[in-house]
């Protein structure tokens, strides 16, 4: 969600879209984000891969340094409420309000219904929120649409 008066930064025509990807917080899970890395690279994205156990500030620094179009956050250990609560606000404060924010994985430990979980994280500023077992192709298709790359 954009702040009033905030203008989306335009990606130069013909520039390969750039994403920052990693696993947030104290989460050491790496397989899923590694699969995403290769799928997004194969789909034509430049991926700045941060790996696992990544603090929010590192995502933000990497996005600024790479002029990222999107930040993709993975969380598989159920602590998304803690790790992601102010992620959207931190991005806006850093001047990244135009950057698409995607989140996926096992985000909570309690048995909430998915619509409630999705709404919670969208309230934290994420543009798209995915449940466990979402296929990489879904996120790739969504991001292409969100960046105006799909035909």
C-alpha atoms as a PDB file:
ATOM      1  CA  UNK A   1       0.000   0.000   0.000  1.00  0.00           C
ATOM      2  CA  UNK A   2       1.391   3.372  -0.980  1.00  0.00           C
ATOM      3  CA  UNK A   3       1.485   6.442   1.225  1.00  0.00           C
ATOM      4  CA  UNK A   4      -0.336   9.421  -0.209  1.00  0.00           C
ATOM      5  CA  UNK A   5       2.009  11.357  -2.426  1.00  0.00           C
ATOM      6  CA  UNK A   6       4.357   8.401  -2.875  1.00  0.00           C
ATOM      7  CA  UNK A   7       5.223   7.709  -6.483  1.00  0.00           C
ATOM      8  CA  UNK A   8       6.143   4.254  -7.692  1.00  0.00           C
ATOM      9  CA  UNK A   9       9.671   4.092  -9.002  1.00  0.00           C
ATOM     10  CA  UNK A  10       9.679   3.146 -12.651  1.00  0.00           C
ATOM     11  CA  UNK A  11      11.839   0.254 -13.776  1.00  0.00           C
ATOM     12  CA  UNK A  12      13.821   1.315 -16.828  1.00  0.00           C
ATOM     13  CA  UNK A  13      12.432  -0.205 -19.998  1.00  0.00           C
ATOM     14  CA  UNK A  14      14.185  -3.422 -20.902  1.00  0.00           C
ATOM     15  CA  UNK A  15      15.837  -3.857 -17.492  1.00  0.00           C
ATOM     16  CA  UNK A  16      15.635  -7.359 -16.096  1.00  0.00           C
ATOM     17  CA  UNK A  17      13.272  -7.360 -13.084  1.00  0.00           C
ATOM     18  CA  UNK A  18      15.101  -7.714  -9.769  1.00  0.00           C
ATOM     19  CA  UNK A  19      13.892  -9.521  -6.664  1.00  0.00           C
ATOM     20  CA  UNK A  20      15.396  -9.942  -3.218  1.00  0.00           C
ATOM     21  CA  UNK A  21      14.686 -13.379  -1.748  1.00  0.00           C
ATOM     22  CA  UNK A  22      15.439 -14.970   1.599  1.00  0.00           C
ATOM     23  CA  UNK A  23      14.170 -16.649   4.746  1.00  0.00           C
ATOM     24  CA  UNK A  24      13.425 -14.174   7.539  1.00  0.00           C
ATOM     25  CA  UNK A  25      14.257 -14.150  11.229  1.00  0.00           C
ATOM     26  CA  UNK A  26      15.804 -17.127  12.975  1.00  0.00           C
ATOM     27  CA  UNK A  27      14.384 -19.531  10.403  1.00  0.00           C
ATOM     28  CA  UNK A  28      17.094 -21.786   8.967  1.00  0.00           C
ATOM     29  CA  UNK A  29      14.904 -23.432   6.305  1.00  0.00           C
ATOM     30  CA  UNK A  30      16.558 -22.993   2.920  1.00  0.00           C
ATOM     31  CA  UNK A  31      15.188 -25.603   0.502  1.00  0.00           C
ATOM     32  CA  UNK A  32      11.972 -23.771  -0.417  1.00  0.00           C
ATOM     33  CA  UNK A  33      13.645 -20.429  -0.997  1.00  0.00           C
ATOM     34  CA  UNK A  34      16.373 -22.159  -3.027  1.00  0.00           C
ATOM     35  CA  UNK A  35      13.709 -23.714  -5.259  1.00  0.00           C
ATOM     36  CA  UNK A  36      12.126 -20.270  -5.658  1.00  0.00           C
ATOM     37  CA  UNK A  37      15.499 -18.788  -6.520  1.00  0.00           C
ATOM     38  CA  UNK A  38      16.042 -21.138  -9.439  1.00  0.00           C
ATOM     39  CA  UNK A  39      12.430 -20.860 -10.636  1.00  0.00           C
ATOM     40  CA  UNK A  40      12.551 -17.049 -10.683  1.00  0.00           C
ATOM     41  CA  UNK A  41      15.939 -17.045 -12.428  1.00  0.00           C
ATOM     42  CA  UNK A  42      14.573 -19.438 -15.046  1.00  0.00           C
ATOM     43  CA  UNK A  43      11.596 -17.078 -15.496  1.00  0.00           C
ATOM     44  CA  UNK A  44      13.935 -14.179 -16.333  1.00  0.00           C
ATOM     45  CA  UNK A  45      14.310 -12.420 -12.981  1.00  0.00           C
ATOM     46  CA  UNK A  46      17.606 -11.353 -11.444  1.00  0.00           C
ATOM     47  CA  UNK A  47      17.560 -12.800  -7.935  1.00  0.00           C
ATOM     48  CA  UNK A  48      19.504 -11.313  -5.036  1.00  0.00           C
ATOM     49  CA  UNK A  49      19.506 -14.396  -2.821  1.00  0.00           C
ATOM     50  CA  UNK A  50      20.112 -13.760   0.873  1.00  0.00           C
ATOM     51  CA  UNK A  51      19.761 -17.332   2.136  1.00  0.00           C
ATOM     52  CA  UNK A  52      18.425 -18.175   5.593  1.00  0.00           C
ATOM     53  CA  UNK A  53      18.349 -16.479   9.005  1.00  0.00           C
ATOM     54  CA  UNK A  54      18.010 -13.017   7.469  1.00  0.00           C
ATOM     55  CA  UNK A  55      16.988  -9.985   9.569  1.00  0.00           C
ATOM     56  CA  UNK A  56      14.445  -7.578   8.029  1.00  0.00           C
ATOM     57  CA  UNK A  57      17.067  -4.853   7.737  1.00  0.00           C
ATOM     58  CA  UNK A  58      19.179  -7.036   5.447  1.00  0.00           C
ATOM     59  CA  UNK A  59      16.241  -7.491   3.049  1.00  0.00           C
ATOM     60  CA  UNK A  60      15.782  -3.720   3.005  1.00  0.00           C
ATOM     61  CA  UNK A  61      19.478  -2.956   2.439  1.00  0.00           C
ATOM     62  CA  UNK A  62      19.668  -5.480  -0.390  1.00  0.00           C
ATOM     63  CA  UNK A  63      16.524  -4.052  -2.000  1.00  0.00           C
ATOM     64  CA  UNK A  64      17.936  -0.531  -1.893  1.00  0.00           C
ATOM     65  CA  UNK A  65      21.356  -1.576  -3.227  1.00  0.00           C
ATOM     66  CA  UNK A  66      19.891  -3.628  -6.082  1.00  0.00           C
ATOM     67  CA  UNK A  67      16.987  -1.290  -6.977  1.00  0.00           C
ATOM     68  CA  UNK A  68      14.705  -4.288  -6.433  1.00  0.00           C
ATOM     69  CA  UNK A  69      11.227  -4.469  -7.876  1.00  0.00           C
ATOM     70  CA  UNK A  70      10.080  -6.927  -5.213  1.00  0.00           C
ATOM     71  CA  UNK A  71      11.074  -8.537  -1.931  1.00  0.00           C
ATOM     72  CA  UNK A  72      10.077 -12.168  -1.439  1.00  0.00           C
ATOM     73  CA  UNK A  73      10.124 -13.352   2.164  1.00  0.00           C
ATOM     74  CA  UNK A  74       9.949 -16.999   3.197  1.00  0.00           C
ATOM     75  CA  UNK A  75       9.082 -18.149   6.707  1.00  0.00           C
ATOM     76  CA  UNK A  76       8.621 -21.816   7.520  1.00  0.00           C
ATOM     77  CA  UNK A  77       8.858 -21.932  11.306  1.00  0.00           C
ATOM     78  CA  UNK A  78       5.591 -20.277  12.276  1.00  0.00           C
ATOM     79  CA  UNK A  79       6.993 -17.042  13.703  1.00  0.00           C
ATOM     80  CA  UNK A  80       5.770 -14.722  10.957  1.00  0.00           C
ATOM     81  CA  UNK A  81       3.786 -12.597  13.403  1.00  0.00           C
ATOM     82  CA  UNK A  82       6.999 -11.694  15.188  1.00  0.00           C
ATOM     83  CA  UNK A  83       9.356 -11.472  12.217  1.00  0.00           C
ATOM     84  CA  UNK A  84       7.055  -9.631   9.803  1.00  0.00           C
ATOM     85  CA  UNK A  85       4.875  -7.399  11.995  1.00  0.00           C
ATOM     86  CA  UNK A  86       6.595  -4.139  11.038  1.00  0.00           C
ATOM     87  CA  UNK A  87       8.260  -5.234   7.791  1.00  0.00           C
ATOM     88  CA  UNK A  88       6.000  -3.150   5.546  1.00  0.00           C
ATOM     89  CA  UNK A  89       6.462  -0.064   7.713  1.00  0.00           C
ATOM     90  CA  UNK A  90      10.250  -0.496   7.713  1.00  0.00           C
ATOM     91  CA  UNK A  91      10.215  -0.730   3.918  1.00  0.00           C
ATOM     92  CA  UNK A  92       8.177   2.470   3.621  1.00  0.00           C
ATOM     93  CA  UNK A  93      10.465   4.288   6.077  1.00  0.00           C
ATOM     94  CA  UNK A  94      13.434   3.231   3.915  1.00  0.00           C
ATOM     95  CA  UNK A  95      11.800   4.691   0.793  1.00  0.00           C
ATOM     96  CA  UNK A  96      10.758   1.302  -0.589  1.00  0.00           C
ATOM     97  CA  UNK A  97       6.999   1.796  -0.551  1.00  0.00           C
ATOM     98  CA  UNK A  98       6.900   1.119  -4.306  1.00  0.00           C
ATOM     99  CA  UNK A  99       8.561  -2.303  -3.952  1.00  0.00           C
ATOM    100  CA  UNK A 100       6.188  -5.284  -4.076  1.00  0.00           C
ATOM    101  CA  UNK A 101       6.251  -7.371  -0.898  1.00  0.00           C
ATOM    102  CA  UNK A 102       5.485 -11.089  -1.086  1.00  0.00           C
ATOM    103  CA  UNK A 103       5.402 -13.539   1.829  1.00  0.00           C
ATOM    104  CA  UNK A 104       4.879 -17.280   1.960  1.00  0.00           C
ATOM    105  CA  UNK A 105       5.269 -20.390   4.053  1.00  0.00           C
ATOM    106  CA  UNK A 106       4.156 -21.648   7.431  1.00  0.00           C
ATOM    107  CA  UNK A 107       3.501 -18.215   8.859  1.00  0.00           C
ATOM    108  CA  UNK A 108       1.673 -18.989  12.116  1.00  0.00           C
ATOM    109  CA  UNK A 109       1.639 -21.847  14.606  1.00  0.00           C
ATOM    110  CA  UNK A 110      -2.003 -21.670  15.626  1.00  0.00           C
ATOM    111  CA  UNK A 111      -4.825 -23.204  13.589  1.00  0.00           C
ATOM    112  CA  UNK A 112      -6.261 -20.055  12.035  1.00  0.00           C
ATOM    113  CA  UNK A 113      -8.273 -20.202   8.863  1.00  0.00           C
ATOM    114  CA  UNK A 114      -6.159 -19.133   5.886  1.00  0.00           C
ATOM    115  CA  UNK A 115      -8.256 -16.025   5.063  1.00  0.00           C
ATOM    116  CA  UNK A 116      -7.529 -14.680   8.563  1.00  0.00           C
ATOM    117  CA  UNK A 117      -3.811 -15.380   8.231  1.00  0.00           C
ATOM    118  CA  UNK A 118      -3.687 -13.771   4.789  1.00  0.00           C
ATOM    119  CA  UNK A 119      -5.549 -10.680   6.040  1.00  0.00           C
ATOM    120  CA  UNK A 120      -3.196 -10.347   9.018  1.00  0.00           C
ATOM    121  CA  UNK A 121      -0.082 -10.236   6.852  1.00  0.00           C
ATOM    122  CA  UNK A 122      -1.648  -8.003   4.221  1.00  0.00           C
ATOM    123  CA  UNK A 123      -2.318  -5.666   7.141  1.00  0.00           C
ATOM    124  CA  UNK A 124       1.427  -5.746   7.797  1.00  0.00           C
ATOM    125  CA  UNK A 125       1.965  -4.354   4.291  1.00  0.00           C
ATOM    126  CA  UNK A 126       2.498  -7.473   2.167  1.00  0.00           C
ATOM    127  CA  UNK A 127       0.966  -7.319  -1.309  1.00  0.00           C
ATOM    128  CA  UNK A 128       0.656 -11.090  -1.686  1.00  0.00           C
ATOM    129  CA  UNK A 129       0.620 -13.805   0.977  1.00  0.00           C
ATOM    130  CA  UNK A 130       0.902 -17.498   0.133  1.00  0.00           C
ATOM    131  CA  UNK A 131       0.075 -20.614   2.158  1.00  0.00           C
ATOM    132  CA  UNK A 132       2.429 -23.589   2.430  1.00  0.00           C
ATOM    133  CA  UNK A 133       2.790 -25.731  -0.695  1.00  0.00           C
ATOM    134  CA  UNK A 134       2.106 -22.867  -3.123  1.00  0.00           C
ATOM    135  CA  UNK A 135       3.811 -23.588  -6.428  1.00  0.00           C
ATOM    136  CA  UNK A 136       6.585 -21.265  -7.593  1.00  0.00           C
ATOM    137  CA  UNK A 137       4.711 -20.747 -10.864  1.00  0.00           C
ATOM    138  CA  UNK A 138       1.872 -19.071  -8.957  1.00  0.00           C
ATOM    139  CA  UNK A 139       4.176 -16.477  -7.399  1.00  0.00           C
ATOM    140  CA  UNK A 140       5.999 -15.941 -10.705  1.00  0.00           C
ATOM    141  CA  UNK A 141       2.732 -15.357 -12.561  1.00  0.00           C
ATOM    142  CA  UNK A 142       1.453 -13.006  -9.850  1.00  0.00           C
ATOM    143  CA  UNK A 143       4.669 -10.992  -9.787  1.00  0.00           C
ATOM    144  CA  UNK A 144       4.730 -10.639 -13.558  1.00  0.00           C
ATOM    145  CA  UNK A 145       1.161  -9.300 -13.390  1.00  0.00           C
ATOM    146  CA  UNK A 146       1.965  -6.984 -10.476  1.00  0.00           C
ATOM    147  CA  UNK A 147       4.994  -5.577 -12.311  1.00  0.00           C
ATOM    148  CA  UNK A 148       3.113  -5.209 -15.594  1.00  0.00           C
ATOM    149  CA  UNK A 149       5.271  -7.826 -17.326  1.00  0.00           C
ATOM    150  CA  UNK A 150       2.571 -10.266 -18.383  1.00  0.00           C
ATOM    151  CA  UNK A 151       1.074 -10.050 -21.843  1.00  0.00           C
END
